[in-house]
Protein backbone atom coordinates (compact mmCIF):
# COMPACT_ATOMS: atom_id res chain seq x y z
CA MET A 1 5.23 3.11 24.33
CA LYS A 2 5.68 6.15 26.57
CA SER A 3 2.62 5.08 28.54
CA ALA A 4 3.99 1.56 28.99
CA ARG A 5 7.36 2.87 30.15
CA GLY A 6 5.70 5.33 32.52
CA GLN A 7 3.89 2.52 34.31
CA LYS A 8 7.25 1.09 35.37
CA GLY A 9 8.52 4.39 36.76
CA ILE A 10 7.91 6.33 39.96
CA SER A 11 4.44 7.69 40.48
CA ILE A 12 3.76 10.54 42.93
CA SER A 13 0.38 11.51 44.28
CA ALA A 14 -0.85 14.22 46.60
CA SER A 15 -4.01 14.28 48.68
CA SER A 16 -5.76 16.65 51.04
CA SER A 17 -8.99 16.77 52.97
CA ILE A 18 -10.79 18.91 55.51
CA ASN A 19 -13.95 18.12 57.45
CA ALA A 20 -15.96 19.49 60.31
CA SER A 21 -18.28 17.64 62.70
CA LYS A 22 -20.88 18.66 65.26
CA THR A 23 -22.39 16.24 67.70
CA GLU A 24 -25.05 17.06 70.30
CA ALA A 25 -23.58 17.81 73.74
CA VAL A 26 -20.05 17.68 72.24
CA ASN A 27 -17.93 20.60 71.17
CA PRO A 28 -17.62 20.98 67.38
CA SER A 29 -14.32 19.89 65.81
CA GLU A 30 -12.48 20.35 62.52
CA ARG A 31 -9.82 18.13 60.97
CA ALA A 32 -7.48 18.63 57.98
CA ASN A 33 -5.08 16.28 56.24
CA ALA A 34 -2.45 16.74 53.53
CA GLY A 35 -0.28 13.94 52.19
CA LEU A 36 2.35 13.22 49.57
CA SER A 37 3.28 9.67 48.53
CA ALA A 38 5.49 7.99 45.94
CA SER A 39 5.46 4.41 44.73
CA LEU A 40 7.69 2.30 42.50
CA PRO A 41 6.86 -1.15 41.13
CA LEU A 42 9.68 -3.55 41.91
CA TYR A 43 8.29 -6.72 40.36
CA SER A 44 5.21 -7.35 38.24
CA GLY A 45 5.73 -10.90 37.03
CA GLY A 46 6.78 -9.59 33.62
CA ARG A 47 3.57 -7.69 32.94
CA LEU A 48 5.13 -4.22 32.73
CA GLU A 49 8.17 -5.44 30.79
CA SER A 50 5.88 -7.23 28.32
CA ALA A 51 3.82 -4.08 27.84
CA ILE A 52 6.96 -2.07 27.01
CA LYS A 53 8.27 -4.67 24.56
CA SER A 54 4.84 -5.02 22.94
CA ALA A 55 4.63 -1.24 22.50
CA GLN A 56 8.10 -1.15 20.92
CA LEU A 57 7.08 -3.88 18.49
CA GLY A 58 3.84 -2.02 17.75
CA LEU A 59 5.82 1.08 16.83
CA GLU A 60 8.05 -0.93 14.50
CA ILE A 61 4.99 -2.59 12.95
CA SER A 62 3.52 0.86 12.30
CA ARG A 63 6.73 1.97 10.59
CA LEU A 64 6.69 -1.11 8.38
CA ASP A 65 3.02 -0.65 7.54
CA PHE A 66 3.68 2.98 6.63
CA SER A 67 6.61 2.00 4.41
CA GLN A 68 4.46 -0.65 2.74
CA ALA A 69 1.76 1.94 2.14
CA GLN A 70 4.35 4.21 0.51
CA ASP A 71 5.50 1.35 -1.72
CA ASP A 72 1.90 0.53 -2.65
CA LEU A 73 1.22 4.16 -3.55
CA THR A 74 4.40 4.33 -5.62
CA TYR A 75 3.31 1.20 -7.46
CA ARG A 76 -0.15 2.63 -8.15
CA VAL A 77 1.33 5.88 -9.46
CA VAL A 78 3.82 4.06 -11.71
CA THR A 79 1.08 1.76 -13.02
CA ALA A 80 -1.15 4.74 -13.79
CA TYR A 81 1.79 6.46 -15.51
CA VAL A 82 2.48 3.40 -17.68
CA ASN A 83 -1.21 3.12 -18.54
CA ALA A 84 -1.16 6.75 -19.67
CA LEU A 85 1.93 6.08 -21.79
CA GLU A 86 0.27 3.09 -23.43
CA ASN A 87 -2.91 5.03 -24.16
CA LEU A 88 -0.85 7.89 -25.60
CA ALA A 89 1.09 5.52 -27.87
CA THR A 90 -2.14 3.82 -28.96
CA ALA A 91 -3.71 7.21 -29.72
CA ARG A 92 -0.70 8.13 -31.88
CA VAL A 93 -1.04 4.88 -33.85
CA ASP A 94 -4.74 5.53 -34.41
CA LEU A 95 -4.04 9.12 -35.49
CA GLU A 96 -1.42 7.86 -37.94
CA THR A 97 -3.90 5.32 -39.32
CA GLU A 98 -6.52 8.03 -39.70
CA LYS A 99 -4.01 10.21 -41.54
CA ASN A 100 -3.03 7.40 -43.93
CA LEU A 101 -6.62 6.47 -44.68
CA SER A 102 -7.47 10.13 -45.26
CA GLU A 103 -4.66 10.33 -47.80
CA HIS A 104 -6.00 7.22 -49.53
CA GLU A 105 -9.45 8.79 -49.59
CA ARG A 106 -8.14 12.01 -51.16
CA MET A 107 -6.20 10.02 -53.75
CA ILE A 108 -9.22 7.90 -54.69
CA SER A 109 -11.47 10.95 -54.72
CA ALA A 110 -9.15 12.59 -57.26
CA GLN A 111 -9.11 9.43 -59.37
CA PHE A 112 -12.92 9.18 -59.15
CA ASP A 113 -13.27 12.77 -60.34
CA ALA A 114 -11.03 11.88 -63.26
CA GLY A 115 -13.22 8.85 -64.04
CA ALA A 116 -10.46 6.36 -63.23
CA LYS A 117 -12.12 4.75 -60.21
CA ALA A 118 -15.59 3.50 -59.41
CA LYS A 119 -17.77 5.20 -56.82
CA ILE A 120 -17.79 2.06 -54.66
CA ASP A 121 -14.07 2.49 -54.08
CA LEU A 122 -14.62 6.06 -52.94
CA LEU A 123 -17.46 5.06 -50.62
CA ARG A 124 -15.39 2.31 -49.05
CA ALA A 125 -12.48 4.70 -48.50
CA GLN A 126 -14.80 7.24 -46.89
CA VAL A 127 -16.26 4.62 -44.56
CA GLU A 128 -12.83 3.44 -43.42
CA THR A 129 -11.68 7.01 -42.85
CA SER A 130 -14.77 7.74 -40.76
CA ASN A 131 -14.19 4.60 -38.68
CA ALA A 132 -10.56 5.53 -38.16
CA THR A 133 -11.59 9.02 -37.04
CA GLN A 134 -13.92 7.57 -34.42
CA THR A 135 -11.26 5.13 -33.22
CA ALA A 136 -8.73 7.95 -32.90
CA ALA A 137 -11.22 10.02 -30.91
CA ARG A 138 -11.85 7.14 -28.51
CA SER A 139 -8.12 6.60 -28.07
CA GLN A 140 -7.57 10.26 -27.29
CA ALA A 141 -10.41 10.17 -24.75
CA ALA A 142 -8.91 7.05 -23.14
CA TYR A 143 -5.58 8.87 -22.86
CA GLU A 144 -7.21 11.85 -21.16
CA VAL A 145 -9.04 9.54 -18.75
CA SER A 146 -5.76 7.85 -17.85
CA LEU A 147 -4.23 11.27 -17.20
CA THR A 148 -7.15 12.07 -14.91
CA ASN A 149 -6.56 8.85 -12.98
CA LEU A 150 -2.90 9.74 -12.64
CA ALA A 151 -3.78 13.26 -11.49
CA THR A 152 -6.05 11.81 -8.81
CA LEU A 153 -3.20 9.73 -7.40
CA LEU A 154 -0.96 12.80 -7.46
CA SER A 155 -3.64 14.93 -5.77
CA THR A 156 -3.59 17.27 -8.76
CA ASP A 157 -6.85 18.95 -9.68
CA SER A 158 -6.09 19.64 -13.34
CA ILE A 159 -4.45 17.69 -16.17
CA ALA A 160 -3.72 20.82 -18.17
CA ASN A 161 -0.01 20.74 -17.36
CA LEU A 162 0.23 16.99 -16.78
CA THR A 163 2.19 15.10 -19.44
CA VAL A 164 3.94 11.76 -19.66
CA GLU A 165 7.26 11.03 -21.32
CA GLU A 166 8.73 7.82 -22.64
CA PHE A 167 11.48 6.09 -20.71
CA ASN A 168 13.71 3.13 -21.42
CA THR A 169 14.06 0.00 -19.35
CA ALA A 170 17.01 -2.35 -19.03
CA LEU A 171 15.52 -5.66 -18.03
CA GLU A 172 17.07 -9.08 -17.55
CA LEU A 173 14.56 -11.64 -16.33
CA GLY A 174 16.12 -14.02 -13.81
CA ASP A 175 15.02 -17.29 -12.28
CA VAL A 176 11.74 -17.18 -10.38
CA GLU A 177 13.34 -18.71 -7.28
CA ASN A 178 15.55 -15.66 -6.89
CA TYR A 179 12.49 -13.40 -6.89
CA LEU A 180 10.72 -15.61 -4.35
CA THR A 181 13.73 -15.38 -2.03
CA ALA A 182 13.92 -11.61 -2.49
CA ALA A 183 10.21 -11.26 -1.69
CA GLU A 184 10.56 -13.21 1.56
CA GLU A 185 13.48 -10.99 2.56
CA ASN A 186 12.14 -7.60 1.43
CA ARG A 187 8.35 -7.60 1.77
CA ARG A 188 7.48 -5.26 4.62
CA ASP A 189 4.08 -6.86 5.18
CA LEU A 190 5.77 -10.21 5.87
CA LYS A 191 8.15 -8.51 8.29
CA SER A 192 5.16 -6.90 9.96
CA ASP A 193 3.48 -10.31 10.27
CA ALA A 194 6.58 -11.73 11.98
CA LEU A 195 6.65 -8.85 14.46
CA LYS A 196 2.95 -9.30 15.18
CA ILE A 197 3.63 -12.93 16.12
CA GLU A 198 6.42 -11.82 18.46
CA GLN A 199 4.09 -9.19 19.90
CA GLY A 200 1.48 -11.87 20.49
CA GLU A 201 4.00 -14.01 22.37
CA TRP A 202 4.69 -11.06 24.67
CA HIS A 203 0.94 -10.82 25.27
CA VAL A 204 1.06 -14.44 26.43
CA THR A 205 3.83 -13.52 28.88
CA SER A 206 1.78 -10.58 30.11
CA ALA A 207 -1.25 -12.80 30.65
CA LYS A 208 0.84 -15.31 32.61
CA SER A 209 1.87 -12.55 35.03
CA GLY A 210 -1.56 -12.98 36.62
CA TRP A 211 -0.21 -16.14 38.27
CA LEU A 212 2.78 -14.30 39.76
CA PRO A 213 3.07 -11.83 42.65
CA SER A 214 3.55 -8.10 42.30
CA VAL A 215 5.83 -6.08 44.59
CA ASN A 216 5.78 -2.30 45.11
CA ALA A 217 7.87 0.09 47.20
CA SER A 218 6.32 3.24 48.61
CA VAL A 219 7.22 6.25 50.75
CA GLY A 220 4.89 8.92 52.03
CA THR A 221 4.42 11.81 54.37
CA ASP A 222 1.24 13.18 55.98
CA LEU A 223 0.39 16.31 57.88
CA ASN A 224 -2.69 16.03 60.08
CA ALA A 225 -4.23 18.93 62.00
CA SER A 226 -7.26 19.23 64.26
CA ASN A 227 -9.16 22.12 65.76
CA THR A 228 -11.24 21.82 68.88
CA SER A 229 -13.36 24.29 70.82
CA ASN A 230 -10.46 26.58 71.63
CA ARG A 231 -10.08 27.35 67.90
CA ARG A 232 -6.40 26.36 67.87
CA TRP A 233 -4.99 23.99 65.22
CA HIS A 234 -2.64 21.23 66.35
CA PRO A 235 -0.55 19.91 63.41
CA THR A 236 0.91 16.38 63.59
CA PRO A 237 3.40 15.34 60.86
CA ASP A 238 4.29 11.72 60.15
CA ALA A 239 6.17 9.72 57.49
CA SER A 240 6.08 6.16 56.24
CA ALA A 241 8.01 3.82 53.96
CA GLY A 242 7.50 0.21 53.07
CA ILE A 243 7.33 -2.61 50.59
CA SER A 244 4.09 -4.37 49.75
CA ALA A 245 3.41 -7.58 47.86
CA SER A 246 0.23 -9.07 46.53
CA TRP A 247 -0.48 -12.45 44.98
CA SER A 248 -3.76 -13.65 43.58
CA ILE A 249 -4.09 -17.23 44.78
CA PHE A 250 -7.38 -18.00 43.04
CA ASP A 251 -9.27 -15.97 40.42
CA SER A 252 -11.85 -18.50 39.19
CA GLY A 253 -9.84 -19.28 36.02
CA VAL A 254 -9.69 -15.72 34.69
CA THR A 255 -5.91 -15.75 34.21
CA ARG A 256 -5.94 -19.18 32.60
CA ALA A 257 -8.59 -18.01 30.14
CA GLU A 258 -6.54 -14.92 29.27
CA VAL A 259 -3.43 -17.05 28.71
CA GLU A 260 -5.28 -19.49 26.47
CA SER A 261 -6.84 -16.65 24.52
CA ALA A 262 -3.41 -15.06 23.96
CA LYS A 263 -1.99 -18.40 22.79
CA VAL A 264 -4.84 -18.85 20.33
CA GLU A 265 -4.19 -15.36 18.96
CA VAL A 266 -0.53 -16.30 18.39
CA GLU A 267 -1.59 -19.36 16.42
CA ARG A 268 -3.99 -17.24 14.38
CA LEU A 269 -1.20 -14.78 13.58
CA LYS A 270 1.06 -17.65 12.47
CA LEU A 271 -1.63 -18.95 10.13
CA ALA A 272 -2.20 -15.43 8.80
CA MET A 273 1.50 -15.07 8.04
CA ALA A 274 1.56 -18.46 6.28
CA SER A 275 -1.38 -17.30 4.17
CA ASP A 276 0.38 -14.02 3.36
CA VAL A 277 3.52 -15.90 2.32
CA ASP A 278 1.45 -18.02 -0.05
CA SER A 279 -0.18 -14.89 -1.49
CA VAL A 280 3.22 -13.23 -1.99
CA HIS A 281 4.54 -16.34 -3.74
CA GLU A 282 1.50 -16.34 -6.01
CA GLU A 283 2.03 -12.66 -6.85
CA VAL A 284 5.68 -13.26 -7.70
CA VAL A 285 5.03 -16.34 -9.84
CA THR A 286 2.15 -14.66 -11.69
CA ALA A 287 4.13 -11.48 -12.38
CA HIS A 288 7.15 -13.53 -13.50
CA LYS A 289 5.07 -15.58 -15.95
CA ASN A 290 3.29 -12.50 -17.28
CA LEU A 291 6.60 -10.74 -17.81
CA ARG A 292 8.14 -13.73 -19.57
CA ILE A 293 5.15 -13.96 -21.93
CA ALA A 294 5.21 -10.19 -22.53
CA LEU A 295 8.87 -10.37 -23.55
CA LEU A 296 8.04 -13.10 -26.07
CA ARG A 297 5.10 -11.04 -27.35
CA LEU A 298 7.35 -8.02 -27.75
CA THR A 299 9.67 -9.95 -30.08
CA THR A 300 6.85 -11.43 -32.17
CA THR A 301 4.89 -8.17 -32.44
CA GLN A 302 7.97 -6.28 -33.60
CA ARG A 303 8.37 -8.81 -36.39
CA ALA A 304 4.65 -8.53 -37.18
CA VAL A 305 4.99 -4.75 -37.61
CA GLU A 306 7.82 -5.24 -40.08
CA LEU A 307 5.78 -7.75 -42.11
CA ALA A 308 2.68 -5.52 -42.03
CA GLU A 309 4.68 -2.53 -43.29
CA GLU A 310 6.03 -4.65 -46.16
CA GLU A 311 2.50 -5.86 -46.97
CA ARG A 312 1.14 -2.31 -47.07
CA TYR A 313 3.97 -1.21 -49.35
CA ILE A 314 3.32 -4.04 -51.78
CA ALA A 315 -0.45 -3.49 -51.75
CA THR A 316 -0.01 0.24 -52.39
CA GLU A 317 2.42 -0.32 -55.27
CA ARG A 318 0.17 -2.91 -56.89
CA TYR A 319 -2.83 -0.64 -56.60
CA ASN A 320 -0.96 2.30 -58.10
CA ALA A 321 0.15 0.04 -60.94
CA GLY A 322 -3.45 -1.01 -61.58
CA GLU A 323 -2.85 -4.63 -60.53
CA GLY A 324 -4.48 -4.50 -57.11
CA ILE A 325 -7.74 -3.47 -55.59
CA LEU A 326 -8.59 -0.91 -52.92
CA LEU A 327 -9.59 -3.61 -50.44
CA ASP A 328 -6.01 -4.87 -50.41
CA ILE A 329 -4.74 -1.45 -49.40
CA LEU A 330 -7.36 -0.98 -46.70
CA ASP A 331 -6.81 -4.44 -45.29
CA ALA A 332 -3.06 -3.87 -45.26
CA GLU A 333 -3.47 -0.49 -43.56
CA LEU A 334 -5.73 -1.95 -40.86
CA ALA A 335 -3.41 -4.94 -40.41
CA LEU A 336 -0.49 -2.56 -39.89
CA SER A 337 -2.51 -0.56 -37.36
CA THR A 338 -3.41 -3.74 -35.47
CA ALA A 339 0.22 -4.93 -35.51
CA LYS A 340 1.46 -1.58 -34.19
CA LYS A 341 -1.13 -1.52 -31.40
CA ASN A 342 -0.25 -5.09 -30.47
CA ASN A 343 3.38 -4.04 -30.31
CA VAL A 344 2.45 -1.06 -28.12
CA SER A 345 0.49 -3.38 -25.81
CA ALA A 346 3.40 -5.82 -25.57
CA ARG A 347 5.94 -3.04 -24.99
CA TYR A 348 4.02 -1.54 -22.11
CA ASP A 349 3.07 -4.94 -20.73
CA VAL A 350 6.79 -5.56 -20.36
CA ILE A 351 7.14 -2.34 -18.36
CA ARG A 352 3.92 -2.94 -16.41
CA TYR A 353 4.73 -6.53 -15.49
CA SER A 354 8.29 -5.60 -14.57
CA PHE A 355 6.85 -3.23 -11.99
CA ASP A 356 4.36 -5.91 -10.94
CA LEU A 357 7.30 -8.20 -10.27
CA ALA A 358 9.21 -5.46 -8.48
CA HIS A 359 6.20 -4.67 -6.29
CA ALA A 360 5.70 -8.37 -5.53
CA THR A 361 9.29 -8.58 -4.31
CA GLY A 362 9.02 -5.33 -2.31
CA ASP A 363 11.34 -3.22 -4.51
CA THR A 364 9.02 -0.88 -6.41
CA LEU A 365 10.96 2.29 -5.60
CA LYS A 366 14.29 0.66 -6.43
CA ALA A 367 12.92 -0.58 -9.75
CA MET A 368 11.55 2.86 -10.59
CA ARG A 369 14.91 4.51 -9.92
CA SER A 370 16.74 2.04 -12.13
């Protein structure tokens, strides 16, 4: 932008020269010249003004692109944080399941030693405990991997001191049309597209300046000096001022081609913006549907956890009373673990999709703060 503005200002140049000549039968001579001139463009057919306006728009586009990049990075960090939270909650469920199955195994082992239970019950309990241990180990590893991904986004080399903490969300899902309107108003990439179209229109104006004249004002001063055979310099100062105009009458269609090319670029930018608007609408609608389904899943999975806990209690009591079998307890324990993990998935899907929707509408940072 500074360069474009400078082209419309005063430019000053200095020049100097010295030469000597020797011709046969003629005395040698020396000449020197020093000059200083200044010029100012008075009219350029809109070319210089278009360059300045285009540069200003380019600077604003860069600011918007930078802000969009910040929002994208915030979204990636929040998503990684939520993923870590989900993996941590899943790991805790798996550790709880492992603990419960281990307690069942110890109880059955004691009953087997007392001759009250068959060995097949003990073997089955040991197998389930081993499987639960492996599942818990994988969940813990997945949590540590998610922390590593988060650390990478935070440019942190170690996860030793990196932890995640639960947070609550207050969410009221509105009508999808409201989110579509907000996205069109807030998305920085759409604003950048609009400015690029305006910038392209200024490029058309700049190209059209090739059909118009250009006018410049100039002033200058020169000091000429010569030295002949008597070795004496004779300085001669002079000054000049004037206005010059130039107009390209015929350029073999070069200007017309540049104008047409600039117009085509404007049309391309308009199509690109229309495509981006469609993509933004798709992002908003998809995130809205995912969030709506996640909210329904959260309600149903919470109820499933309650039912699974009741089932485990009944199966345990029946087994202790000698009316049930070990398989009922193990199935109930695994069903409860599955229900809890489904509830964890639904809970963090609600958070994740809420941020998806916020990012689609261009309000990731605002959503994170609230």
